[in-house]
Amino acid sequence: MYFAIAALTFGLVAGLKPGPLGIYVIHQTMSKGNLHGFISSLAPVLTDGPIILLALLLTFQLSELNWFISLISVLGAIYLAYIAYKISMGPSSISPRGNSSASSSLITAVKINFLNPAPYIFWLTIGSGYILMGSEFEATIFIACAIFSLCITKFIVAVAIKKLGEKFNPRVYSVILKSLSVPLLIFSAKLLYSGISVWQ
């Protein structure tokens, strides 16, 4: 029970905390509908498994991880800037409907999460600590509950924001969507700075 509660809490906090994936889930929910938003929110289900395995392999080599975190940060910064550009170039009038494949939303969300150092840092520190501290069953419960809580929280936040946005006309709705490119650019700049500052 302790491991489940801890994992649900970590997932809730991470889901409520603004981040690149959360912003993208909000954008997909508002621009293409709840299905796209929900599918996008499931990115950690696909990405966190490999990230956890890598974190466990590197747990005892923390002093040698500067290059890895730096590389992920720089690549993530470039990709986020690209996504921000695509969002800013969206249509000037839009309603919350989408006809494109939900799989494309998931693929982009997976790329964003893989290129975000935050999941790596969490699983390298707090996450791996809990995994190594408990039994195999407790570790499994911790991982499953953390990822479940993270995904659901991000989707609920996105749906709530979409409901507020639907009160506006299509043009204002479009402006709100395009404004999501701003926090993505800020995250991009922070990642780029973090990636470069590691070596200073």
Protein backbone atom coordinates (compact mmCIF):
# COMPACT_ATOMS: atom_id res chain seq x y z
CA MET A 1 0.00 0.00 0.00
CA TYR A 2 2.85 2.38 0.87
CA PHE A 3 4.44 1.95 -2.56
CA ALA A 4 1.09 2.47 -4.32
CA ILE A 5 0.30 5.65 -2.38
CA ALA A 6 3.79 7.03 -2.98
CA ALA A 7 3.57 6.27 -6.70
CA LEU A 8 0.10 7.80 -7.07
CA THR A 9 1.32 10.92 -5.29
CA PHE A 10 4.42 11.26 -7.48
CA GLY A 11 2.30 10.72 -10.61
CA LEU A 12 -0.26 13.29 -9.50
CA VAL A 13 2.38 15.91 -8.77
CA ALA A 14 4.15 15.25 -12.09
CA GLY A 15 0.82 15.37 -13.94
CA LEU A 16 -0.15 18.71 -12.42
CA LYS A 17 3.30 20.21 -12.93
CA PRO A 18 3.53 22.14 -16.23
CA GLY A 19 5.82 20.44 -18.71
CA PRO A 20 6.30 19.83 -22.45
CA LEU A 21 4.19 16.67 -22.56
CA GLY A 22 1.38 18.24 -20.53
CA ILE A 23 1.26 21.26 -22.84
CA TYR A 24 1.15 18.97 -25.88
CA VAL A 25 -1.67 16.87 -24.36
CA ILE A 26 -3.64 20.06 -23.76
CA HIS A 27 -3.05 21.17 -27.37
CA GLN A 28 -4.14 17.82 -28.82
CA THR A 29 -7.23 17.70 -26.60
CA MET A 30 -8.26 21.22 -27.55
CA SER A 31 -7.44 21.01 -31.25
CA LYS A 32 -8.39 17.42 -32.10
CA GLY A 33 -10.67 16.20 -29.34
CA ASN A 34 -10.56 14.05 -26.23
CA LEU A 35 -9.46 10.87 -28.02
CA HIS A 36 -6.29 12.51 -29.36
CA GLY A 37 -5.62 14.06 -25.97
CA PHE A 38 -6.10 10.74 -24.18
CA ILE A 39 -3.89 8.88 -26.65
CA SER A 40 -1.19 11.56 -26.26
CA SER A 41 -1.37 11.30 -22.48
CA LEU A 42 -0.47 7.60 -22.74
CA ALA A 43 3.06 8.36 -24.01
CA PRO A 44 4.64 7.47 -20.62
CA VAL A 45 3.21 3.96 -20.95
CA LEU A 46 5.49 3.46 -23.97
CA THR A 47 8.46 5.59 -22.97
CA ASP A 48 8.92 5.01 -19.25
CA GLY A 49 9.65 1.28 -19.53
CA PRO A 50 12.85 1.78 -21.55
CA ILE A 51 13.69 4.87 -19.47
CA ILE A 52 13.36 2.86 -16.23
CA LEU A 53 15.59 0.09 -17.57
CA LEU A 54 18.19 2.63 -18.62
CA ALA A 55 17.94 4.39 -15.26
CA LEU A 56 18.54 1.16 -13.37
CA LEU A 57 21.53 0.35 -15.56
CA LEU A 58 23.02 3.78 -14.96
CA THR A 59 22.11 4.12 -11.27
CA PHE A 60 25.63 3.28 -10.13
CA GLN A 61 27.29 5.54 -12.72
CA LEU A 62 25.67 8.89 -11.84
CA SER A 63 28.99 10.73 -12.07
CA GLU A 64 29.21 9.85 -15.75
CA LEU A 65 25.73 11.01 -16.77
CA ASN A 66 26.48 14.66 -17.62
CA TRP A 67 26.94 13.91 -21.30
CA PHE A 68 23.70 11.91 -21.44
CA ILE A 69 21.50 14.52 -19.71
CA SER A 70 23.13 17.23 -21.83
CA LEU A 71 22.43 15.38 -25.08
CA ILE A 72 18.81 14.65 -24.17
CA SER A 73 18.29 18.29 -23.14
CA VAL A 74 19.70 19.76 -26.36
CA LEU A 75 17.81 17.34 -28.62
CA GLY A 76 14.65 17.96 -26.61
CA ALA A 77 15.08 21.73 -26.92
CA ILE A 78 15.35 21.50 -30.70
CA TYR A 79 12.31 19.23 -31.01
CA LEU A 80 10.18 21.38 -28.70
CA ALA A 81 11.06 24.47 -30.73
CA TYR A 82 9.91 22.62 -33.85
CA ILE A 83 6.60 21.58 -32.22
CA ALA A 84 6.08 25.15 -30.96
CA TYR A 85 6.59 26.44 -34.50
CA LYS A 86 4.01 23.99 -35.89
CA ILE A 87 1.49 24.99 -33.21
CA SER A 88 2.03 28.72 -33.85
CA MET A 89 1.35 28.18 -37.57
CA GLY A 90 -2.06 26.61 -36.92
CA PRO A 91 -5.31 27.86 -38.54
CA SER A 92 -6.75 31.20 -37.48
CA SER A 93 -10.13 29.68 -36.70
CA ILE A 94 -10.58 26.29 -35.14
CA SER A 95 -13.08 24.12 -33.30
CA PRO A 96 -12.13 21.22 -31.04
CA ARG A 97 -12.46 18.52 -33.69
CA GLY A 98 -9.83 16.48 -35.45
CA ASN A 99 -9.78 14.09 -38.39
CA SER A 100 -6.13 13.08 -38.38
CA SER A 101 -4.97 9.73 -37.03
CA ALA A 102 -4.68 9.53 -33.25
CA SER A 103 -1.50 7.49 -33.75
CA SER A 104 0.30 10.60 -35.04
CA SER A 105 -0.53 12.39 -31.78
CA LEU A 106 0.88 9.47 -29.81
CA ILE A 107 4.08 9.30 -31.89
CA THR A 108 4.76 13.00 -31.33
CA ALA A 109 3.99 12.69 -27.61
CA VAL A 110 6.37 9.73 -27.35
CA LYS A 111 9.14 11.74 -29.02
CA ILE A 112 8.54 14.66 -26.64
CA ASN A 113 8.73 12.42 -23.58
CA PHE A 114 11.81 10.54 -24.78
CA LEU A 115 13.59 13.87 -25.37
CA ASN A 116 12.61 15.35 -22.01
CA PRO A 117 15.25 14.85 -19.30
CA ALA A 118 12.67 15.04 -16.48
CA PRO A 119 11.53 11.38 -16.69
CA TYR A 120 15.16 10.23 -16.77
CA ILE A 121 16.03 12.32 -13.72
CA PHE A 122 12.98 11.07 -11.78
CA TRP A 123 13.63 7.40 -12.52
CA LEU A 124 17.38 7.81 -11.93
CA THR A 125 16.78 9.27 -8.46
CA ILE A 126 13.44 8.84 -6.69
CA GLY A 127 12.03 6.15 -8.95
CA SER A 128 15.02 3.82 -8.91
CA GLY A 129 15.29 4.26 -5.14
CA TYR A 130 11.77 2.92 -4.62
CA ILE A 131 12.22 0.16 -7.21
CA LEU A 132 15.42 -1.12 -5.58
CA MET A 133 14.03 -0.72 -2.07
CA GLY A 134 10.99 -2.95 -2.54
CA SER A 135 10.27 -6.47 -3.68
CA GLU A 136 9.59 -7.28 -7.34
CA PHE A 137 5.85 -7.04 -6.68
CA GLU A 138 6.19 -3.70 -4.87
CA ALA A 139 8.42 -2.35 -7.65
CA THR A 140 5.83 -3.39 -10.25
CA ILE A 141 3.03 -1.73 -8.25
CA PHE A 142 5.10 1.43 -7.89
CA ILE A 143 5.85 1.68 -11.62
CA ALA A 144 2.28 0.89 -12.70
CA CYS A 145 0.66 3.31 -10.24
CA ALA A 146 3.10 6.13 -11.01
CA ILE A 147 2.57 5.89 -14.77
CA PHE A 148 -1.22 5.46 -14.41
CA SER A 149 -1.50 8.48 -12.11
CA LEU A 150 0.70 10.61 -14.39
CA CYS A 151 -1.26 9.80 -17.57
CA ILE A 152 -4.72 10.24 -16.04
CA THR A 153 -3.80 13.51 -14.32
CA LYS A 154 -2.44 15.04 -17.54
CA PHE A 155 -5.57 14.03 -19.45
CA ILE A 156 -7.96 15.35 -16.78
CA VAL A 157 -6.12 18.68 -16.71
CA ALA A 158 -6.30 18.87 -20.52
CA VAL A 159 -10.05 18.12 -20.59
CA ALA A 160 -10.72 20.74 -17.90
CA ILE A 161 -8.82 23.38 -19.87
CA LYS A 162 -10.62 22.36 -23.07
CA LYS A 163 -13.99 22.81 -21.36
CA LEU A 164 -13.00 26.35 -20.39
CA GLY A 165 -11.73 27.07 -23.90
CA GLU A 166 -14.98 25.93 -25.53
CA LYS A 167 -16.69 28.99 -24.05
CA PHE A 168 -14.87 31.13 -26.63
CA ASN A 169 -15.57 31.53 -30.34
CA PRO A 170 -13.41 29.61 -32.89
CA ARG A 171 -11.02 32.54 -33.53
CA VAL A 172 -10.33 33.13 -29.85
CA TYR A 173 -10.05 29.37 -29.39
CA SER A 174 -7.37 29.36 -32.10
CA VAL A 175 -5.46 32.15 -30.37
CA ILE A 176 -5.53 30.14 -27.12
CA LEU A 177 -4.18 27.11 -28.97
CA LYS A 178 -1.42 29.11 -30.65
CA SER A 179 -0.46 30.63 -27.30
CA LEU A 180 0.52 27.13 -26.16
CA SER A 181 3.58 27.52 -28.38
CA VAL A 182 4.92 30.12 -25.91
CA PRO A 183 5.40 27.79 -22.91
CA LEU A 184 6.86 25.17 -25.27
CA LEU A 185 9.42 27.73 -26.46
CA ILE A 186 10.20 28.59 -22.84
CA PHE A 187 10.72 24.90 -22.04
CA SER A 188 12.87 24.64 -25.17
CA ALA A 189 15.06 27.53 -24.05
CA LYS A 190 15.38 26.11 -20.51
CA LEU A 191 16.35 22.69 -21.85
CA LEU A 192 18.91 24.21 -24.20
CA TYR A 193 20.40 26.26 -21.37
CA SER A 194 20.45 23.22 -19.06
CA GLY A 195 22.10 21.09 -21.73
CA ILE A 196 24.83 23.64 -22.36
CA SER A 197 25.37 24.71 -18.73
CA VAL A 198 26.24 21.14 -17.71
CA TRP A 199 29.64 21.64 -19.31
CA GLN A 200 30.36 25.12 -17.94
